[in-house]
Amino acid sequence: MTDVDSPWKEVLERYFAAFTTFFFPAVHAGIDWERGYAFLDKELQRVVRDARLGRRYADKLIQVWRRDGDEVWVLVHVEVQGQYEASFAERIFMYHTRIRDRYQRPVVSLAVLTDGRRRWRPAAYWQDLWGCALHWRYPLVKLLDYRDREAELETHANPFAVVVLAHLKAQDPVRDLEARYNWKWRLARGLYHWGWSRQDVLELFRFLDWVLVLPEAAEDRLWAELQQYEEQQVMRYVTSVERIGIKKGLQQGLQQGEIRVLRRQMTQRFGELPAWVETRLRDASPEQLEAWAERLLVVSRRRRFSRRAADTERSWLLLCLKSL
């Protein structure tokens, strides 16, 4: 799933204060929360639209006010990264300087790494040439560092304790489906114990569904257990209609993400796409999208020797797409 569709964006927007409390307490202590904060998503996209992107679960630009300043406000840039990227620190530095240049305000860049590479910790960017040196660092959190704190996380009232635990369990071997099922059930059941609002429970349940994927039969089994548990606790948080809506929303988000990735790959490979391809992409079923991605992979493996060869490959691919 792309960063655009990631529930990380939703939990960041809903629980930004809890996010800073959990991961970056020094940042939380410096913000004047009584003055509120504002998300500047469109502004961030204008700043970074021409940058090369890795797989990000979320990026956010938030306007906040400092406790120690009268009219001083700070832009907090948050990046949640889902896989190794060699130039990650350089990219964060580039974003940082662009945001600062655009708004002429102090900028704080924060990063959360959700990948499984324990040694990858790009917490600084530096250059040194002919006596001209630059060393820039930023606060960074690695979710793997919470691996030995699972018992503590289960007893933590911050919603990001649930987020971290879900990610850690998603990184466990998929072959152990029963263990994954048990953890998803424990986390889902635990949502009811903290006195959170009904909407909080629904938001976090959606996050669990996104990150801890189970086979359909196991999902149905978990849903039945959850309904029984709610009846025992005299709670009706996740109704059948809402459960269907969560599932449908995740499926639609995933499909839209696949369409965007496929469109971008085809455009990079062959240039501007005909209008009928855009229409077919928009109306395609999941099975058609998968078949198109496989055919694009076949084309991408061929070596392109000339413009004529590229035109031939483009014609071949478009013909294949028409056949579906």
Protein backbone atom coordinates (compact mmCIF):
# COMPACT_ATOMS: atom_id res chain seq x y z
CA MET A 1 0.00 0.00 0.00
CA THR A 2 1.33 3.45 -0.86
CA ASP A 3 1.91 6.22 1.61
CA VAL A 4 -1.17 8.01 0.27
CA ASP A 5 -3.44 5.20 1.44
CA SER A 6 -1.65 4.33 4.64
CA PRO A 7 -3.62 4.33 7.90
CA TRP A 8 -0.42 5.79 9.38
CA LYS A 9 -1.62 9.12 8.00
CA GLU A 10 -4.94 8.70 9.74
CA VAL A 11 -3.47 7.84 13.14
CA LEU A 12 -0.96 10.70 12.84
CA GLU A 13 -3.77 13.17 12.17
CA ARG A 14 -6.01 11.84 14.91
CA TYR A 15 -3.33 11.25 17.56
CA PHE A 16 -0.54 13.72 16.76
CA ALA A 17 -0.17 14.77 20.40
CA ALA A 18 -0.04 11.12 21.48
CA PHE A 19 2.50 10.45 18.71
CA THR A 20 4.91 13.08 20.02
CA THR A 21 4.36 11.97 23.62
CA PHE A 22 5.18 8.37 22.77
CA PHE A 23 8.09 8.76 20.34
CA PHE A 24 9.48 12.29 20.84
CA PRO A 25 8.71 13.57 24.37
CA ALA A 26 11.13 16.51 24.06
CA VAL A 27 9.20 17.74 21.03
CA HIS A 28 5.90 17.30 22.85
CA ALA A 29 7.19 19.32 25.81
CA GLY A 30 8.16 22.21 23.54
CA ILE A 31 4.79 22.61 21.79
CA ASP A 32 2.07 24.96 23.02
CA TRP A 33 -0.86 22.54 22.64
CA GLU A 34 -3.42 25.09 23.81
CA ARG A 35 -2.87 27.04 20.58
CA GLY A 36 -3.62 23.99 18.47
CA TYR A 37 -1.86 22.84 15.32
CA ALA A 38 -2.56 22.57 11.60
CA PHE A 39 -1.67 19.98 8.95
CA LEU A 40 -0.16 21.41 5.76
CA ASP A 41 -0.41 18.44 3.40
CA LYS A 42 -0.87 20.44 0.20
CA GLU A 43 2.02 22.70 1.08
CA LEU A 44 4.28 19.70 1.71
CA GLN A 45 3.40 18.14 -1.64
CA ARG A 46 4.35 21.35 -3.43
CA VAL A 47 7.70 21.39 -1.66
CA VAL A 48 8.67 17.76 -2.40
CA ARG A 49 6.75 16.94 -5.60
CA ASP A 50 9.89 16.60 -7.74
CA ALA A 51 11.81 14.42 -5.27
CA ARG A 52 12.56 10.74 -5.74
CA LEU A 53 10.54 8.79 -3.21
CA GLY A 54 11.02 5.45 -1.51
CA ARG A 55 8.19 3.53 0.08
CA ARG A 56 6.79 5.80 2.73
CA TYR A 57 3.88 4.94 4.96
CA ALA A 58 3.25 8.61 5.66
CA ASP A 59 4.69 12.08 5.51
CA LYS A 60 3.20 15.05 7.30
CA LEU A 61 3.94 18.74 7.68
CA ILE A 62 2.41 20.23 10.81
CA GLN A 63 2.35 23.84 11.94
CA VAL A 64 2.71 24.20 15.71
CA TRP A 65 3.52 26.97 18.19
CA ARG A 66 6.35 26.90 20.71
CA ARG A 67 5.84 27.31 24.42
CA ASP A 68 8.79 29.69 24.73
CA GLY A 69 7.83 32.03 21.88
CA ASP A 70 5.13 34.68 21.62
CA GLU A 71 4.41 34.64 17.89
CA VAL A 72 7.00 32.07 16.87
CA TRP A 73 5.72 28.96 15.13
CA VAL A 74 7.59 25.84 14.04
CA LEU A 75 7.01 23.46 11.14
CA VAL A 76 7.29 19.85 12.26
CA HIS A 77 8.07 17.50 9.38
CA VAL A 78 7.23 13.86 10.16
CA GLU A 79 8.31 10.98 7.94
CA VAL A 80 7.34 7.31 8.45
CA GLN A 81 9.54 5.07 6.29
CA GLY A 82 8.70 1.47 5.51
CA GLN A 83 11.81 0.15 3.76
CA TYR A 84 15.55 0.67 3.34
CA GLU A 85 16.51 3.65 1.22
CA ALA A 86 20.20 4.47 0.70
CA SER A 87 19.55 8.21 0.27
CA PHE A 88 16.99 8.55 3.04
CA ALA A 89 18.98 10.98 5.22
CA GLU A 90 19.81 13.11 2.18
CA ARG A 91 16.16 13.24 1.18
CA ILE A 92 15.06 14.27 4.68
CA PHE A 93 17.73 17.00 4.65
CA MET A 94 16.50 18.18 1.26
CA TYR A 95 12.90 18.35 2.51
CA HIS A 96 14.06 20.16 5.64
CA THR A 97 15.92 22.88 3.74
CA ARG A 98 13.17 23.33 1.16
CA ILE A 99 10.51 23.76 3.84
CA ARG A 100 12.70 26.22 5.72
CA ASP A 101 13.46 28.21 2.57
CA ARG A 102 9.80 28.35 1.60
CA TYR A 103 8.37 29.44 4.94
CA GLN A 104 11.38 31.13 6.60
CA ARG A 105 10.53 29.36 9.83
CA PRO A 106 12.36 26.89 12.07
CA VAL A 107 11.81 23.27 10.97
CA VAL A 108 12.02 20.09 13.04
CA SER A 109 12.32 16.87 11.04
CA LEU A 110 11.31 13.61 12.72
CA ALA A 111 11.58 10.08 11.31
CA VAL A 112 10.04 6.75 12.28
CA LEU A 113 11.50 3.62 10.66
CA THR A 114 9.20 0.60 10.45
CA ASP A 115 11.52 -1.65 8.40
CA GLY A 116 13.12 -4.87 9.61
CA ARG A 117 16.82 -3.94 9.20
CA ARG A 118 18.17 -3.47 12.70
CA ARG A 119 21.45 -1.79 11.68
CA TRP A 120 19.94 0.75 9.31
CA ARG A 121 19.69 3.98 11.30
CA PRO A 122 20.15 7.00 9.00
CA ALA A 123 19.97 9.64 11.74
CA ALA A 124 22.39 12.14 10.16
CA TYR A 125 23.48 13.63 6.86
CA TRP A 126 26.95 15.02 6.25
CA GLN A 127 29.18 16.44 3.54
CA ASP A 128 32.84 17.38 3.72
CA LEU A 129 34.76 18.79 0.76
CA TRP A 130 37.87 21.02 0.82
CA GLY A 131 37.22 22.31 4.27
CA CYS A 132 33.53 22.98 3.61
CA ALA A 133 31.73 20.65 6.02
CA LEU A 134 28.11 20.03 6.88
CA HIS A 135 26.79 17.71 9.58
CA TRP A 136 23.02 17.63 10.14
CA ARG A 137 21.15 15.25 12.42
CA TYR A 138 17.53 14.72 13.33
CA PRO A 139 15.55 12.66 15.89
CA LEU A 140 14.88 9.12 14.65
CA VAL A 141 12.91 6.21 16.10
CA LYS A 142 13.27 2.55 15.11
CA LEU A 143 10.27 0.36 15.87
CA LEU A 144 12.51 -2.70 16.16
CA ASP A 145 13.94 -1.19 19.35
CA TYR A 146 10.61 -1.96 21.02
CA ARG A 147 10.94 -5.67 20.31
CA ASP A 148 12.06 -6.42 23.88
CA ARG A 149 9.38 -4.19 25.42
CA GLU A 150 6.25 -6.01 24.27
CA ALA A 151 4.94 -6.64 27.78
CA GLU A 152 5.34 -2.93 28.57
CA LEU A 153 3.56 -1.95 25.36
CA GLU A 154 0.56 -4.12 26.18
CA THR A 155 0.05 -2.17 29.41
CA HIS A 156 0.62 1.27 27.85
CA ALA A 157 -2.40 3.55 27.45
CA ASN A 158 -0.98 5.47 24.46
CA PRO A 159 -2.62 4.38 21.16
CA PHE A 160 0.81 4.23 19.52
CA ALA A 161 1.69 1.32 21.78
CA VAL A 162 -0.95 -0.61 19.81
CA VAL A 163 0.47 0.69 16.53
CA VAL A 164 4.02 -0.42 17.43
CA LEU A 165 2.93 -3.85 18.67
CA ALA A 166 0.90 -4.45 15.51
CA HIS A 167 3.90 -3.57 13.31
CA LEU A 168 6.24 -5.80 15.30
CA LYS A 169 3.86 -8.76 15.07
CA ALA A 170 3.40 -8.16 11.35
CA GLN A 171 7.16 -8.68 10.96
CA ASP A 172 7.02 -12.14 12.54
CA PRO A 173 7.10 -15.10 10.12
CA VAL A 174 3.82 -15.24 8.18
CA ARG A 175 3.85 -19.03 8.27
CA ASP A 176 2.84 -18.91 11.94
CA LEU A 177 -0.71 -17.79 11.21
CA GLU A 178 -2.08 -18.99 14.54
CA ALA A 179 0.39 -16.78 16.43
CA ARG A 180 -0.56 -13.82 14.24
CA TYR A 181 -4.23 -14.55 14.82
CA ASN A 182 -3.73 -14.70 18.60
CA TRP A 183 -1.88 -11.38 18.64
CA LYS A 184 -4.46 -9.64 16.50
CA TRP A 185 -7.18 -10.93 18.80
CA ARG A 186 -5.26 -9.77 21.91
CA LEU A 187 -4.69 -6.31 20.44
CA ALA A 188 -8.28 -5.96 19.23
CA ARG A 189 -9.64 -7.04 22.62
CA GLY A 190 -7.26 -4.66 24.39
CA LEU A 191 -8.78 -1.67 22.56
CA TYR A 192 -11.78 -1.83 24.89
CA HIS A 193 -9.81 -1.54 28.14
CA TRP A 194 -8.47 2.00 28.03
CA GLY A 195 -11.67 4.00 28.10
CA TRP A 196 -11.14 5.27 24.57
CA SER A 197 -14.05 6.60 22.61
CA ARG A 198 -15.95 4.42 20.20
CA GLN A 199 -14.38 6.28 17.26
CA ASP A 200 -10.89 5.68 18.66
CA VAL A 201 -11.60 1.96 18.83
CA LEU A 202 -12.82 1.96 15.22
CA GLU A 203 -9.76 3.89 13.98
CA LEU A 204 -7.30 1.58 15.72
CA PHE A 205 -9.24 -1.50 14.66
CA ARG A 206 -8.86 -0.31 11.07
CA PHE A 207 -5.11 0.01 11.62
CA LEU A 208 -4.94 -3.55 12.97
CA ASP A 209 -6.81 -4.80 9.91
CA TRP A 210 -4.35 -3.04 7.63
CA VAL A 211 -1.11 -4.25 9.19
CA LEU A 212 -2.05 -7.71 10.56
CA VAL A 213 -3.59 -9.36 7.52
CA LEU A 214 -5.16 -12.79 7.97
CA PRO A 215 -6.77 -15.27 5.55
CA GLU A 216 -10.46 -14.63 5.04
CA ALA A 217 -11.53 -17.63 7.13
CA ALA A 218 -9.39 -16.46 10.03
CA GLU A 219 -10.78 -12.93 9.72
CA ASP A 220 -14.32 -14.30 9.90
CA ARG A 221 -13.38 -16.32 12.97
CA LEU A 222 -11.89 -13.26 14.66
CA TRP A 223 -14.95 -11.19 13.80
CA ALA A 224 -17.23 -13.81 15.39
CA GLU A 225 -15.11 -13.82 18.57
CA LEU A 226 -15.12 -10.04 18.67
CA GLN A 227 -18.91 -9.90 18.40
CA GLN A 228 -19.22 -12.42 21.23
CA TYR A 229 -16.75 -10.44 23.35
CA GLU A 230 -18.69 -7.20 22.81
CA GLU A 231 -21.89 -8.90 23.89
CA GLN A 232 -20.22 -10.18 27.07
CA GLN A 233 -18.86 -6.71 27.85
CA VAL A 234 -22.16 -5.03 26.91
CA MET A 235 -20.33 -2.96 24.30
CA ARG A 236 -21.40 -2.45 20.71
CA TYR A 237 -18.48 -0.64 19.12
CA VAL A 238 -17.78 -2.44 15.86
CA THR A 239 -21.14 -3.24 14.28
CA SER A 240 -21.57 -5.50 11.28
CA VAL A 241 -22.14 -2.51 9.01
CA GLU A 242 -18.97 -0.79 10.25
CA ARG A 243 -16.96 -3.99 9.93
CA ILE A 244 -18.06 -4.30 6.30
CA GLY A 245 -17.20 -0.63 5.77
CA ILE A 246 -13.71 -1.05 7.23
CA LYS A 247 -13.06 -4.09 5.05
CA LYS A 248 -14.43 -2.40 1.92
CA GLY A 249 -12.44 0.77 2.62
CA LEU A 250 -9.20 -1.17 2.98
CA GLN A 251 -9.83 -3.07 -0.24
CA GLN A 252 -10.65 0.11 -2.14
CA GLY A 253 -7.60 1.89 -0.74
CA LEU A 254 -5.35 -1.00 -1.68
CA GLN A 255 -6.75 -1.13 -5.23
CA GLN A 256 -6.34 2.63 -5.70
CA GLY A 257 -2.75 2.32 -4.52
CA GLU A 258 -2.10 -0.47 -7.03
CA ILE A 259 -3.55 1.67 -9.82
CA ARG A 260 -1.30 4.61 -8.95
CA VAL A 261 1.81 2.44 -8.81
CA LEU A 262 0.97 0.70 -12.11
CA ARG A 263 0.19 4.01 -13.84
CA ARG A 264 3.47 5.52 -12.64
CA GLN A 265 5.49 2.49 -13.78
CA MET A 266 3.87 2.50 -17.22
CA THR A 267 4.35 6.24 -17.66
CA GLN A 268 8.01 6.06 -16.66
CA ARG A 269 8.56 3.20 -19.09
CA PHE A 270 6.53 4.35 -22.10
CA GLY A 271 5.64 8.01 -21.63
CA GLU A 272 2.17 9.52 -21.70
CA LEU A 273 -0.60 6.92 -21.69
CA PRO A 274 -3.58 6.95 -24.07
CA ALA A 275 -6.92 8.02 -22.61
CA TRP A 276 -8.39 4.55 -23.01
CA VAL A 277 -5.66 3.10 -20.77
CA GLU A 278 -6.60 5.55 -18.01
CA THR A 279 -10.21 4.46 -18.34
CA ARG A 280 -9.32 0.77 -18.25
CA LEU A 281 -7.14 1.30 -15.16
CA ARG A 282 -9.94 3.11 -13.36
CA ASP A 283 -12.49 0.39 -14.13
CA ALA A 284 -10.18 -2.61 -13.74
CA SER A 285 -10.81 -5.45 -11.31
CA PRO A 286 -8.07 -6.60 -8.88
CA GLU A 287 -7.46 -9.62 -11.12
CA GLN A 288 -6.95 -7.41 -14.19
CA LEU A 289 -4.55 -5.13 -12.34
CA GLU A 290 -2.50 -8.15 -11.28
CA ALA A 291 -2.39 -9.47 -14.85
CA TRP A 292 -1.32 -6.08 -16.21
CA ALA A 293 1.43 -5.78 -13.60
CA GLU A 294 2.76 -9.21 -14.61
CA ARG A 295 2.79 -8.24 -18.29
CA LEU A 296 4.56 -4.98 -17.49
CA LEU A 297 7.17 -6.96 -15.58
CA VAL A 298 7.83 -9.08 -18.68
CA VAL A 299 8.35 -5.94 -20.75
CA SER A 300 10.58 -4.34 -18.11
CA ARG A 301 12.91 -7.33 -18.15
CA ARG A 302 13.68 -6.81 -21.82
CA ARG A 303 16.66 -4.66 -22.70
CA ARG A 304 15.84 -1.50 -24.60
CA PHE A 305 18.40 -0.98 -27.36
CA SER A 306 16.79 1.79 -29.40
CA ARG A 307 13.83 4.11 -29.72
CA ARG A 308 12.34 1.79 -32.27
CA ALA A 309 12.60 -1.14 -29.87
CA ALA A 310 10.93 0.94 -27.16
CA ASP A 311 8.06 1.80 -29.51
CA THR A 312 7.66 -1.88 -30.33
CA GLU A 313 7.51 -2.80 -26.66
CA ARG A 314 4.95 -0.05 -26.01
CA SER A 315 2.76 -1.28 -28.84
CA TRP A 316 3.05 -4.86 -27.56
CA LEU A 317 2.04 -3.87 -24.03
CA LEU A 318 -0.91 -1.76 -25.16
CA LEU A 319 -2.10 -4.65 -27.30
CA CYS A 320 -1.90 -6.95 -24.26
CA LEU A 321 -3.87 -4.47 -22.17
CA LYS A 322 -6.59 -4.27 -24.80
CA SER A 323 -6.97 -8.03 -24.68
CA LEU A 324 -8.10 -7.96 -21.02
